[in-house]
Amino acid sequence: MNLKYRINKTRCFLMKSPRRVGEMSKNNRRNNQDKLIKASITNSVNNSISISGNVSSLFLLTLGATPMHIGIMATLNQSFPFVKILGLKILPFLGRSRLCAWGRLLAFFPLLGLIMIAMSNRGGVNMVILAIALYAIRGFFVTCGNTSWQPLVQDSILQKETGVFLARMRIKLRAVDVVFPIMLGLYIGKNPTIFRFTPMFILAAAVTLAGSYFFACMVETPLQKEEKPLFSRIMHVLGKKPVQRYGIFSSCHSLVSTASVPLWVVFLKSCNMPASQIVWLGTVSALGSIIGIGRWGQESDRRGSRRVISLTMIPLAALSVFWILAPSGGKALFIWAFSLYIIHGFLGGGLELAKTRAMVQAVPEDCQAEGFVMSFYLQAIGGAVGGFLGGLAYNGLSQHGGTFMGLDQRQVYLAALQFLRLPVWMLSRGIADRYLLEEKGRGPMTSLNAEGPTNVAA
């Protein structure tokens, strides 16, 4: 299949309505799942450079950013789901797959702006603010397009196979996350210049364009015609107890996580850890996730999301001890960070899989788009507050210095935030949870939830 054909196919898809079927066949589901995985891989490469990995924080620090700037960036990252209201408005006109494709296509242009900043090789506060704005615009387009991502996933998989599919997808994503940061770390070196980031942003722009293509091969079910106004549909979704319970838990977890994890890079950079090693820690985290992701998927389908959330969040809270024992630098610092990231990756991978599975089960099928949007909204509120307050607190601690019981106050702060995952875990006990369990004399499978068992063998 030549490049010209791919470009023409994508162009026709972007301008015309997507192919719709009354009911998803097994072949349609398999085709969609393959394309969803490929699209997610391109997005993973893009995100590693543009938002989720350590590269974006390193780029801002190289431009001259402060911890407060990193906190603002974390707040913006968590605030992107707010634009999904716009996505809900556009979704009926474009369809699920075409909305995803357009979101990725438009994200290409702010990446061109980041390329120009890197090529200018000039730092300063103005450049930091401009870079943050371009990151935000890129996130705006991608997130608006991703309004239809979860509905596409829900349409393309059977409910009883949710955990297995998520595990299959995330194993491949983590494989990318293992290899890609190693390559970036080898390229970026110990103390990179601003210009050194140029090829990475060029790669992110190219991968963004490639990601649009995979949605051209997907099919989808017809969108339900909504007679109620958008506000009424949103209030209807928020009235659902499963959505409320998941939203509160997810919001509190996002607040605690965003107030601390993005600042790990700042702490390691202040300890003079080489930039290449900081990037490689992304590989370490992905490797930890790969180790357990398959088992986490099977366990969540068999025993439920709440079981996996408990098995991951309680040990994550115990990692607060790591921050108390953090060394000041040298090889000991890298060994310590390696241990922290691989354990955090192993547990965090299982937690995110269980959270995603719980969200899919909490959202009613008669209001997919609105349900997922509001779930992400509630999570975004916590993340936005956490990113701002975390950056503000850490910036104040960095400026004033000082110790607490012989420990750096920044270590105490990060340890305290890590421990706060324990009370957040308590909120997960009320979320909707259906899982499969073999029982003698009752058929092959039974679904258990808060209301009791119901047969799902069919």
Protein backbone atom coordinates (compact mmCIF):
# COMPACT_ATOMS: atom_id res chain seq x y z
CA MET A 1 0.00 0.00 0.00
CA ASN A 2 1.77 3.17 -1.21
CA LEU A 3 1.89 6.53 0.52
CA LYS A 4 -0.27 8.28 -2.08
CA TYR A 5 -3.10 5.79 -1.50
CA ARG A 6 -2.88 6.25 2.26
CA ILE A 7 -3.02 10.06 1.95
CA ASN A 8 -6.00 9.96 -0.44
CA LYS A 9 -7.85 7.47 1.77
CA THR A 10 -7.33 9.62 4.84
CA ARG A 11 -8.34 12.79 2.97
CA CYS A 12 -11.60 11.19 1.77
CA PHE A 13 -12.32 9.94 5.29
CA LEU A 14 -11.75 13.38 6.83
CA MET A 15 -14.24 14.98 4.43
CA LYS A 16 -16.93 12.26 4.34
CA SER A 17 -19.02 10.49 6.96
CA PRO A 18 -17.46 7.36 8.53
CA ARG A 19 -18.69 3.86 7.63
CA ARG A 20 -21.45 2.80 10.01
CA VAL A 21 -22.96 -0.62 10.69
CA GLY A 22 -26.12 -1.53 12.58
CA GLU A 23 -24.35 -4.07 14.76
CA MET A 24 -20.66 -4.77 15.26
CA SER A 25 -19.62 -8.16 13.86
CA LYS A 26 -16.67 -10.12 15.20
CA ASN A 27 -14.55 -9.04 12.22
CA ASN A 28 -15.53 -5.39 12.71
CA ARG A 29 -14.58 -5.55 16.37
CA ARG A 30 -11.25 -7.21 15.58
CA ASN A 31 -10.47 -4.61 12.88
CA ASN A 32 -11.36 -1.73 15.18
CA GLN A 33 -9.30 -3.14 18.03
CA ASP A 34 -6.21 -3.44 15.81
CA LYS A 35 -6.63 0.14 14.59
CA LEU A 36 -7.24 1.45 18.11
CA ILE A 37 -4.02 -0.17 19.29
CA LYS A 38 -2.02 1.24 16.36
CA ALA A 39 -3.49 4.71 16.88
CA SER A 40 -2.70 4.53 20.59
CA ILE A 41 0.91 3.58 19.81
CA THR A 42 1.38 6.68 17.63
CA ASN A 43 -0.22 8.75 20.37
CA SER A 44 2.11 7.20 22.96
CA VAL A 45 5.18 8.23 20.96
CA ASN A 46 3.75 11.72 20.57
CA ASN A 47 2.85 12.02 24.25
CA SER A 48 6.30 10.83 25.35
CA ILE A 49 7.72 13.93 23.68
CA SER A 50 4.86 16.38 24.03
CA ILE A 51 3.19 15.85 27.38
CA SER A 52 3.34 12.65 29.43
CA GLY A 53 7.03 11.81 29.53
CA ASN A 54 9.93 13.60 31.20
CA VAL A 55 10.97 15.25 27.90
CA SER A 56 8.43 18.09 28.14
CA SER A 57 9.54 18.98 31.69
CA LEU A 58 13.21 18.80 30.68
CA PHE A 59 12.53 21.07 27.70
CA LEU A 60 10.86 23.67 29.92
CA LEU A 61 13.67 23.44 32.49
CA THR A 62 16.22 23.89 29.68
CA LEU A 63 14.34 27.02 28.59
CA GLY A 64 14.65 28.31 32.17
CA ALA A 65 11.41 27.16 33.81
CA THR A 66 10.87 27.17 37.58
CA PRO A 67 8.95 24.55 39.65
CA MET A 68 5.94 26.87 39.45
CA HIS A 69 6.02 26.64 35.64
CA ILE A 70 6.11 22.85 35.89
CA GLY A 71 3.10 23.00 38.23
CA ILE A 72 1.22 25.23 35.78
CA MET A 73 2.03 22.78 33.00
CA ALA A 74 0.71 19.91 35.13
CA THR A 75 -2.48 21.89 35.82
CA LEU A 76 -3.00 22.51 32.10
CA ASN A 77 -2.41 18.83 31.35
CA GLN A 78 -5.12 17.89 33.80
CA SER A 79 -7.48 20.63 32.55
CA PHE A 80 -7.65 19.40 28.96
CA PRO A 81 -10.78 17.26 29.56
CA PHE A 82 -12.77 20.49 30.02
CA VAL A 83 -12.67 20.98 26.24
CA LYS A 84 -14.61 17.76 25.76
CA ILE A 85 -17.83 19.74 26.06
CA LEU A 86 -16.86 21.20 22.69
CA GLY A 87 -16.17 17.66 21.48
CA LEU A 88 -19.70 16.64 22.50
CA LYS A 89 -21.08 19.46 20.36
CA ILE A 90 -19.03 18.42 17.32
CA LEU A 91 -19.44 14.64 17.71
CA PRO A 92 -22.91 14.36 16.05
CA PHE A 93 -21.62 16.14 12.93
CA LEU A 94 -18.33 14.27 12.49
CA GLY A 95 -18.87 10.86 14.08
CA ARG A 96 -16.65 9.06 16.56
CA SER A 97 -13.68 8.02 14.41
CA ARG A 98 -13.54 11.21 12.33
CA LEU A 99 -13.50 13.39 15.46
CA CYS A 100 -10.45 11.46 16.73
CA ALA A 101 -8.72 11.89 13.37
CA TRP A 102 -9.33 15.65 13.16
CA GLY A 103 -8.09 16.15 16.71
CA ARG A 104 -4.75 14.57 15.88
CA LEU A 105 -4.46 16.38 12.56
CA LEU A 106 -4.95 19.84 14.10
CA ALA A 107 -2.44 19.01 16.86
CA PHE A 108 0.22 19.03 14.16
CA PHE A 109 0.32 22.85 14.00
CA PRO A 110 1.28 23.71 17.62
CA LEU A 111 4.03 21.10 17.30
CA LEU A 112 5.41 23.18 14.41
CA GLY A 113 5.58 26.09 16.88
CA LEU A 114 7.59 23.99 19.35
CA ILE A 115 9.95 23.06 16.50
CA MET A 116 10.53 26.78 15.83
CA ILE A 117 11.22 27.48 19.53
CA ALA A 118 13.78 24.67 19.65
CA MET A 119 15.41 25.84 16.42
CA SER A 120 15.72 29.39 17.78
CA ASN A 121 17.96 28.04 20.59
CA ARG A 122 16.90 30.89 22.88
CA GLY A 123 15.58 30.56 26.45
CA GLY A 124 13.96 32.92 28.92
CA VAL A 125 10.63 33.43 30.64
CA ASN A 126 8.87 34.49 27.43
CA MET A 127 9.96 31.32 25.66
CA VAL A 128 8.83 29.20 28.62
CA ILE A 129 5.36 30.81 28.54
CA LEU A 130 5.14 30.41 24.76
CA ALA A 131 6.14 26.75 24.96
CA ILE A 132 3.55 26.09 27.69
CA ALA A 133 0.90 27.79 25.52
CA LEU A 134 1.79 25.62 22.52
CA TYR A 135 1.72 22.48 24.66
CA ALA A 136 -1.73 23.58 25.85
CA ILE A 137 -3.04 24.16 22.30
CA ARG A 138 -1.74 20.77 21.23
CA GLY A 139 -3.46 19.17 24.21
CA PHE A 140 -6.66 21.10 23.44
CA PHE A 141 -6.96 19.60 19.95
CA VAL A 142 -5.99 16.04 20.91
CA THR A 143 -8.31 15.98 23.92
CA CYS A 144 -11.22 17.46 21.98
CA GLY A 145 -10.77 14.67 19.42
CA ASN A 146 -10.48 12.07 22.15
CA THR A 147 -14.03 12.83 23.27
CA SER A 148 -15.03 9.86 21.12
CA TRP A 149 -12.09 7.59 22.06
CA GLN A 150 -13.75 5.77 24.96
CA PRO A 151 -17.08 5.36 23.08
CA LEU A 152 -15.10 3.79 20.23
CA VAL A 153 -13.44 1.40 22.68
CA GLN A 154 -16.76 0.56 24.31
CA ASP A 155 -18.31 -0.14 20.89
CA SER A 156 -15.39 -2.32 19.76
CA ILE A 157 -15.08 -4.77 22.67
CA LEU A 158 -17.36 -7.09 24.58
CA GLN A 159 -17.76 -6.13 28.24
CA LYS A 160 -16.45 -9.46 29.50
CA GLU A 161 -13.23 -8.92 27.47
CA THR A 162 -12.56 -5.37 28.69
CA GLY A 163 -9.65 -6.19 30.98
CA VAL A 164 -8.01 -8.53 28.46
CA PHE A 165 -8.20 -5.93 25.65
CA LEU A 166 -6.86 -3.14 27.86
CA ALA A 167 -3.99 -5.39 28.94
CA ARG A 168 -3.20 -6.33 25.29
CA MET A 169 -3.20 -2.68 24.27
CA ARG A 170 -1.13 -1.49 27.22
CA ILE A 171 1.47 -4.24 26.83
CA LYS A 172 2.20 -2.90 23.34
CA LEU A 173 2.15 0.68 24.57
CA ARG A 174 4.56 -0.14 27.39
CA ALA A 175 6.85 -1.87 24.89
CA VAL A 176 7.02 1.43 23.02
CA ASP A 177 7.52 3.25 26.32
CA VAL A 178 10.48 0.97 27.10
CA VAL A 179 12.34 1.29 23.79
CA PHE A 180 11.55 4.90 22.92
CA PRO A 181 12.91 6.65 26.06
CA ILE A 182 16.14 4.65 25.76
CA MET A 183 16.62 6.08 22.27
CA LEU A 184 15.71 9.58 23.46
CA GLY A 185 18.08 9.33 26.42
CA LEU A 186 20.98 8.26 24.21
CA TYR A 187 20.25 11.18 21.89
CA ILE A 188 19.58 13.89 24.47
CA GLY A 189 22.81 13.46 26.46
CA LYS A 190 23.69 14.82 29.88
CA ASN A 191 23.03 18.58 29.51
CA PRO A 192 21.16 19.17 26.22
CA THR A 193 20.92 22.52 24.49
CA ILE A 194 17.55 23.93 23.45
CA PHE A 195 18.28 23.18 19.79
CA ARG A 196 18.85 19.52 20.69
CA PHE A 197 15.09 19.06 21.11
CA THR A 198 14.31 20.01 17.47
CA PRO A 199 14.42 16.48 15.92
CA MET A 200 12.23 15.14 18.72
CA PHE A 201 9.47 17.65 17.98
CA ILE A 202 9.79 16.92 14.25
CA LEU A 203 9.25 13.24 15.02
CA ALA A 204 6.22 14.07 17.21
CA ALA A 205 4.69 16.11 14.36
CA ALA A 206 5.22 13.29 11.85
CA VAL A 207 3.73 10.67 14.16
CA THR A 208 0.73 12.92 14.80
CA LEU A 209 -0.07 12.97 11.10
CA ALA A 210 0.37 9.20 10.86
CA GLY A 211 -2.05 8.68 13.74
CA SER A 212 -4.91 10.26 11.78
CA TYR A 213 -4.70 7.53 9.14
CA PHE A 214 -5.68 4.59 11.35
CA PHE A 215 -9.13 6.01 12.04
CA ALA A 216 -9.86 5.95 8.30
CA CYS A 217 -10.14 2.14 8.44
CA MET A 218 -12.59 1.95 11.35
CA VAL A 219 -16.34 1.34 11.43
CA GLU A 220 -18.79 2.49 14.07
CA THR A 221 -22.38 2.04 15.11
CA PRO A 222 -24.90 4.82 14.38
CA LEU A 223 -25.02 7.64 16.88
CA GLN A 224 -28.20 7.82 18.91
CA LYS A 225 -30.28 10.87 18.14
CA GLU A 226 -30.49 12.93 21.28
CA GLU A 227 -33.74 14.80 21.82
CA LYS A 228 -32.72 16.30 25.15
CA PRO A 229 -30.39 19.34 25.28
CA LEU A 230 -26.78 18.76 26.23
CA PHE A 231 -27.15 20.26 29.71
CA SER A 232 -30.03 17.90 30.52
CA ARG A 233 -28.01 14.89 29.34
CA ILE A 234 -25.07 15.94 31.49
CA MET A 235 -27.26 16.35 34.57
CA HIS A 236 -28.81 12.95 33.83
CA VAL A 237 -25.34 11.37 33.79
CA LEU A 238 -24.25 13.14 36.97
CA GLY A 239 -27.34 11.78 38.68
CA LYS A 240 -26.05 8.22 38.23
CA LYS A 241 -24.49 6.97 41.47
CA PRO A 242 -21.82 4.81 39.74
CA VAL A 243 -20.60 7.89 37.84
CA GLN A 244 -20.62 9.99 41.03
CA ARG A 245 -18.65 7.43 43.02
CA TYR A 246 -16.08 6.86 40.31
CA GLY A 247 -15.75 10.61 39.71
CA ILE A 248 -15.07 11.43 43.38
CA PHE A 249 -12.47 8.68 43.69
CA SER A 250 -10.77 9.57 40.41
CA SER A 251 -10.77 13.30 41.23
CA CYS A 252 -9.11 12.80 44.63
CA HIS A 253 -6.54 10.39 43.20
CA SER A 254 -5.73 12.83 40.39
CA LEU A 255 -5.29 15.68 42.87
CA VAL A 256 -2.78 13.77 44.99
CA SER A 257 -0.91 12.34 42.00
CA THR A 258 -0.66 15.58 40.01
CA ALA A 259 0.49 17.53 43.07
CA SER A 260 3.58 15.32 43.33
CA VAL A 261 4.56 13.08 40.37
CA PRO A 262 5.31 15.87 37.81
CA LEU A 263 7.68 17.39 40.39
CA TRP A 264 9.80 14.25 40.63
CA VAL A 265 11.72 15.46 37.58
CA VAL A 266 12.37 18.82 39.27
CA PHE A 267 13.69 17.09 42.38
CA LEU A 268 15.99 14.79 40.38
CA LYS A 269 17.23 17.70 38.27
CA SER A 270 18.03 19.67 41.43
CA CYS A 271 20.14 16.68 42.57
CA ASN A 272 22.17 17.05 39.35
CA MET A 273 20.97 13.83 37.75
CA PRO A 274 21.93 13.85 34.02
CA ALA A 275 19.08 14.56 31.60
CA SER A 276 19.64 11.26 29.78
CA GLN A 277 19.13 9.30 33.01
CA ILE A 278 15.93 11.23 33.78
CA VAL A 279 14.57 10.29 30.35
CA TRP A 280 15.60 6.66 30.85
CA LEU A 281 13.50 6.54 34.00
CA GLY A 282 10.51 6.62 31.68
CA THR A 283 11.74 3.30 30.29
CA VAL A 284 12.14 1.93 33.79
CA SER A 285 8.56 2.89 34.65
CA ALA A 286 7.24 1.33 31.43
CA LEU A 287 9.23 -1.83 32.10
CA GLY A 288 7.64 -2.12 35.53
CA SER A 289 4.22 -1.71 33.94
CA ILE A 290 4.89 -4.44 31.36
CA ILE A 291 5.90 -6.91 34.06
CA GLY A 292 2.46 -6.95 35.60
CA ILE A 293 -0.02 -5.55 33.08
CA GLY A 294 -1.15 -8.92 31.67
CA ARG A 295 -1.79 -10.35 35.10
CA TRP A 296 -3.53 -7.17 36.25
CA GLY A 297 -5.92 -7.42 33.28
CA GLN A 298 -6.83 -11.03 34.02
CA GLU A 299 -7.18 -10.33 37.74
CA SER A 300 -9.48 -7.36 37.16
CA ASP A 301 -11.79 -9.42 34.94
CA ARG A 302 -11.85 -12.35 37.38
CA ARG A 303 -11.85 -10.56 40.73
CA GLY A 304 -12.94 -7.04 39.89
CA SER A 305 -11.52 -3.54 39.67
CA ARG A 306 -11.74 -2.86 43.39
CA ARG A 307 -9.50 -5.86 44.13
CA VAL A 308 -6.77 -4.58 41.80
CA ILE A 309 -7.12 -1.01 43.08
CA SER A 310 -6.53 -2.25 46.63
CA LEU A 311 -3.55 -4.38 45.61
CA THR A 312 -1.91 -1.36 43.96
CA MET A 313 -2.85 1.72 45.97
CA ILE A 314 -1.90 0.44 49.42
CA PRO A 315 1.70 -0.39 48.34
CA LEU A 316 1.84 2.91 46.43
CA ALA A 317 1.11 4.73 49.69
CA ALA A 318 3.92 2.75 51.35
CA LEU A 319 6.37 4.20 48.77
CA SER A 320 6.37 7.37 50.90
CA VAL A 321 9.21 5.70 52.82
CA PHE A 322 11.32 5.88 49.62
CA TRP A 323 11.28 9.68 49.71
CA ILE A 324 12.51 9.76 53.29
CA LEU A 325 15.46 7.56 52.23
CA ALA A 326 16.33 9.51 49.06
CA PRO A 327 20.13 9.99 48.64
CA SER A 328 21.63 13.34 47.66
CA GLY A 329 23.25 12.34 44.38
CA GLY A 330 25.69 10.10 42.52
CA LYS A 331 25.12 6.46 41.57
CA ALA A 332 23.10 5.90 44.72
CA LEU A 333 20.55 8.46 43.49
CA PHE A 334 20.08 6.65 40.16
CA ILE A 335 19.74 3.26 41.88
CA TRP A 336 17.17 4.78 44.24
CA ALA A 337 15.26 6.43 41.38
CA PHE A 338 15.42 3.20 39.33
CA SER A 339 13.81 1.28 42.22
CA LEU A 340 11.16 3.96 42.76
CA TYR A 341 10.17 4.16 39.09
CA ILE A 342 10.05 0.42 38.42
CA ILE A 343 7.88 -0.24 41.48
CA HIS A 344 5.70 2.77 40.71
CA GLY A 345 5.37 1.59 37.09
CA PHE A 346 4.38 -1.93 38.16
CA LEU A 347 1.75 -0.75 40.62
CA GLY A 348 0.64 2.30 38.65
CA GLY A 349 0.06 0.23 35.50
CA GLY A 350 -2.32 -2.04 37.37
CA LEU A 351 -4.06 0.90 39.02
CA GLU A 352 -4.67 2.75 35.76
CA LEU A 353 -5.98 -0.42 34.08
CA ALA A 354 -8.39 -1.06 36.96
CA LYS A 355 -9.50 2.59 36.98
CA THR A 356 -10.19 2.51 33.24
CA ARG A 357 -12.13 -0.73 33.57
CA ALA A 358 -14.13 0.73 36.46
CA MET A 359 -14.93 3.84 34.42
CA VAL A 360 -16.14 1.78 31.44
CA GLN A 361 -18.45 -0.13 33.76
CA ALA A 362 -19.68 2.99 35.57
CA VAL A 363 -20.79 4.78 32.39
CA PRO A 364 -24.28 3.80 31.13
CA GLU A 365 -24.38 2.66 27.50
CA ASP A 366 -27.34 4.94 26.71
CA CYS A 367 -25.19 8.05 27.32
CA GLN A 368 -21.66 7.01 26.40
CA ALA A 369 -20.10 10.28 25.31
CA GLU A 370 -21.58 12.38 28.11
CA GLY A 371 -20.72 9.73 30.71
CA PHE A 372 -17.05 9.51 29.74
CA VAL A 373 -16.74 13.27 29.40
CA MET A 374 -18.10 13.90 32.89
CA SER A 375 -15.92 11.14 34.33
CA PHE A 376 -12.86 12.84 32.86
CA TYR A 377 -14.20 16.24 33.98
CA LEU A 378 -14.36 15.21 37.60
CA GLN A 379 -10.86 13.76 37.32
CA ALA A 380 -9.63 16.94 35.64
CA ILE A 381 -10.93 19.14 38.45
CA GLY A 382 -8.81 17.28 40.98
CA GLY A 383 -5.79 17.24 38.68
CA ALA A 384 -6.00 20.95 37.89
CA VAL A 385 -6.19 21.88 41.58
CA GLY A 386 -3.40 19.45 42.44
CA GLY A 387 -1.04 20.68 39.73
CA PHE A 388 -1.42 24.35 40.72
CA LEU A 389 -1.19 23.83 44.46
CA GLY A 390 1.64 21.32 44.09
CA GLY A 391 3.71 23.67 41.94
CA LEU A 392 3.02 26.57 44.32
CA ALA A 393 3.99 24.56 47.40
CA TYR A 394 7.10 23.01 45.88
CA ASN A 395 8.25 26.36 44.48
CA GLY A 396 7.95 27.91 47.96
CA LEU A 397 9.89 25.06 49.53
CA SER A 398 12.62 25.36 46.87
CA GLN A 399 13.02 29.10 47.42
CA HIS A 400 13.11 29.07 51.21
CA GLY A 401 15.02 25.79 51.68
CA GLY A 402 15.32 24.47 55.18
CA THR A 403 14.95 21.04 56.74
CA PHE A 404 12.41 19.16 58.81
CA MET A 405 13.77 16.59 61.27
CA GLY A 406 17.00 16.56 59.29
CA LEU A 407 15.30 15.97 55.93
CA ASP A 408 14.97 18.30 52.98
CA GLN A 409 11.48 19.83 53.14
CA ARG A 410 10.90 18.87 49.48
CA GLN A 411 11.45 15.21 50.37
CA VAL A 412 9.00 15.50 53.26
CA TYR A 413 6.44 17.09 50.93
CA LEU A 414 6.74 14.34 48.29
CA ALA A 415 6.63 11.62 50.99
CA ALA A 416 3.46 13.13 52.50
CA LEU A 417 1.73 13.32 49.13
CA GLN A 418 2.65 9.71 48.40
CA PHE A 419 1.12 8.59 51.71
CA LEU A 420 -2.14 10.45 50.98
CA ARG A 421 -2.98 7.73 48.46
CA LEU A 422 -4.06 5.62 51.42
CA PRO A 423 -7.14 7.70 52.39
CA VAL A 424 -7.93 8.12 48.68
CA TRP A 425 -8.01 4.33 48.38
CA MET A 426 -10.90 4.25 50.86
CA LEU A 427 -13.04 6.12 48.31
CA SER A 428 -12.62 3.28 45.81
CA ARG A 429 -14.63 0.86 47.94
CA GLY A 430 -17.94 2.22 46.63
CA ILE A 431 -17.31 2.24 42.87
CA ALA A 432 -19.30 -0.02 40.51
CA ASP A 433 -17.58 -3.34 40.01
CA ARG A 434 -18.60 -6.33 37.91
CA TYR A 435 -16.34 -9.32 37.61
CA LEU A 436 -16.40 -12.90 36.36
CA LEU A 437 -16.21 -15.85 38.75
CA GLU A 438 -16.56 -19.57 38.03
CA GLU A 439 -18.95 -21.36 40.33
CA LYS A 440 -19.91 -25.01 40.37
CA GLY A 441 -23.44 -25.79 39.31
CA ARG A 442 -24.22 -22.21 38.21
CA GLY A 443 -22.97 -22.06 34.66
CA PRO A 444 -19.57 -20.96 33.45
CA MET A 445 -19.59 -17.32 34.49
CA THR A 446 -21.39 -15.02 36.90
CA SER A 447 -21.30 -11.24 37.07
CA LEU A 448 -21.12 -9.72 40.55
CA ASN A 449 -21.82 -6.12 41.39
CA ALA A 450 -23.05 -4.00 44.25
CA GLU A 451 -26.62 -5.20 43.69
CA GLY A 452 -25.73 -8.93 43.63
CA PRO A 453 -25.02 -11.64 41.06
CA THR A 454 -26.63 -11.84 37.64
CA ASN A 455 -25.98 -14.45 35.00
CA VAL A 456 -23.91 -13.28 32.03
CA ALA A 457 -23.05 -16.63 30.51
CA ALA A 458 -24.66 -15.62 27.24
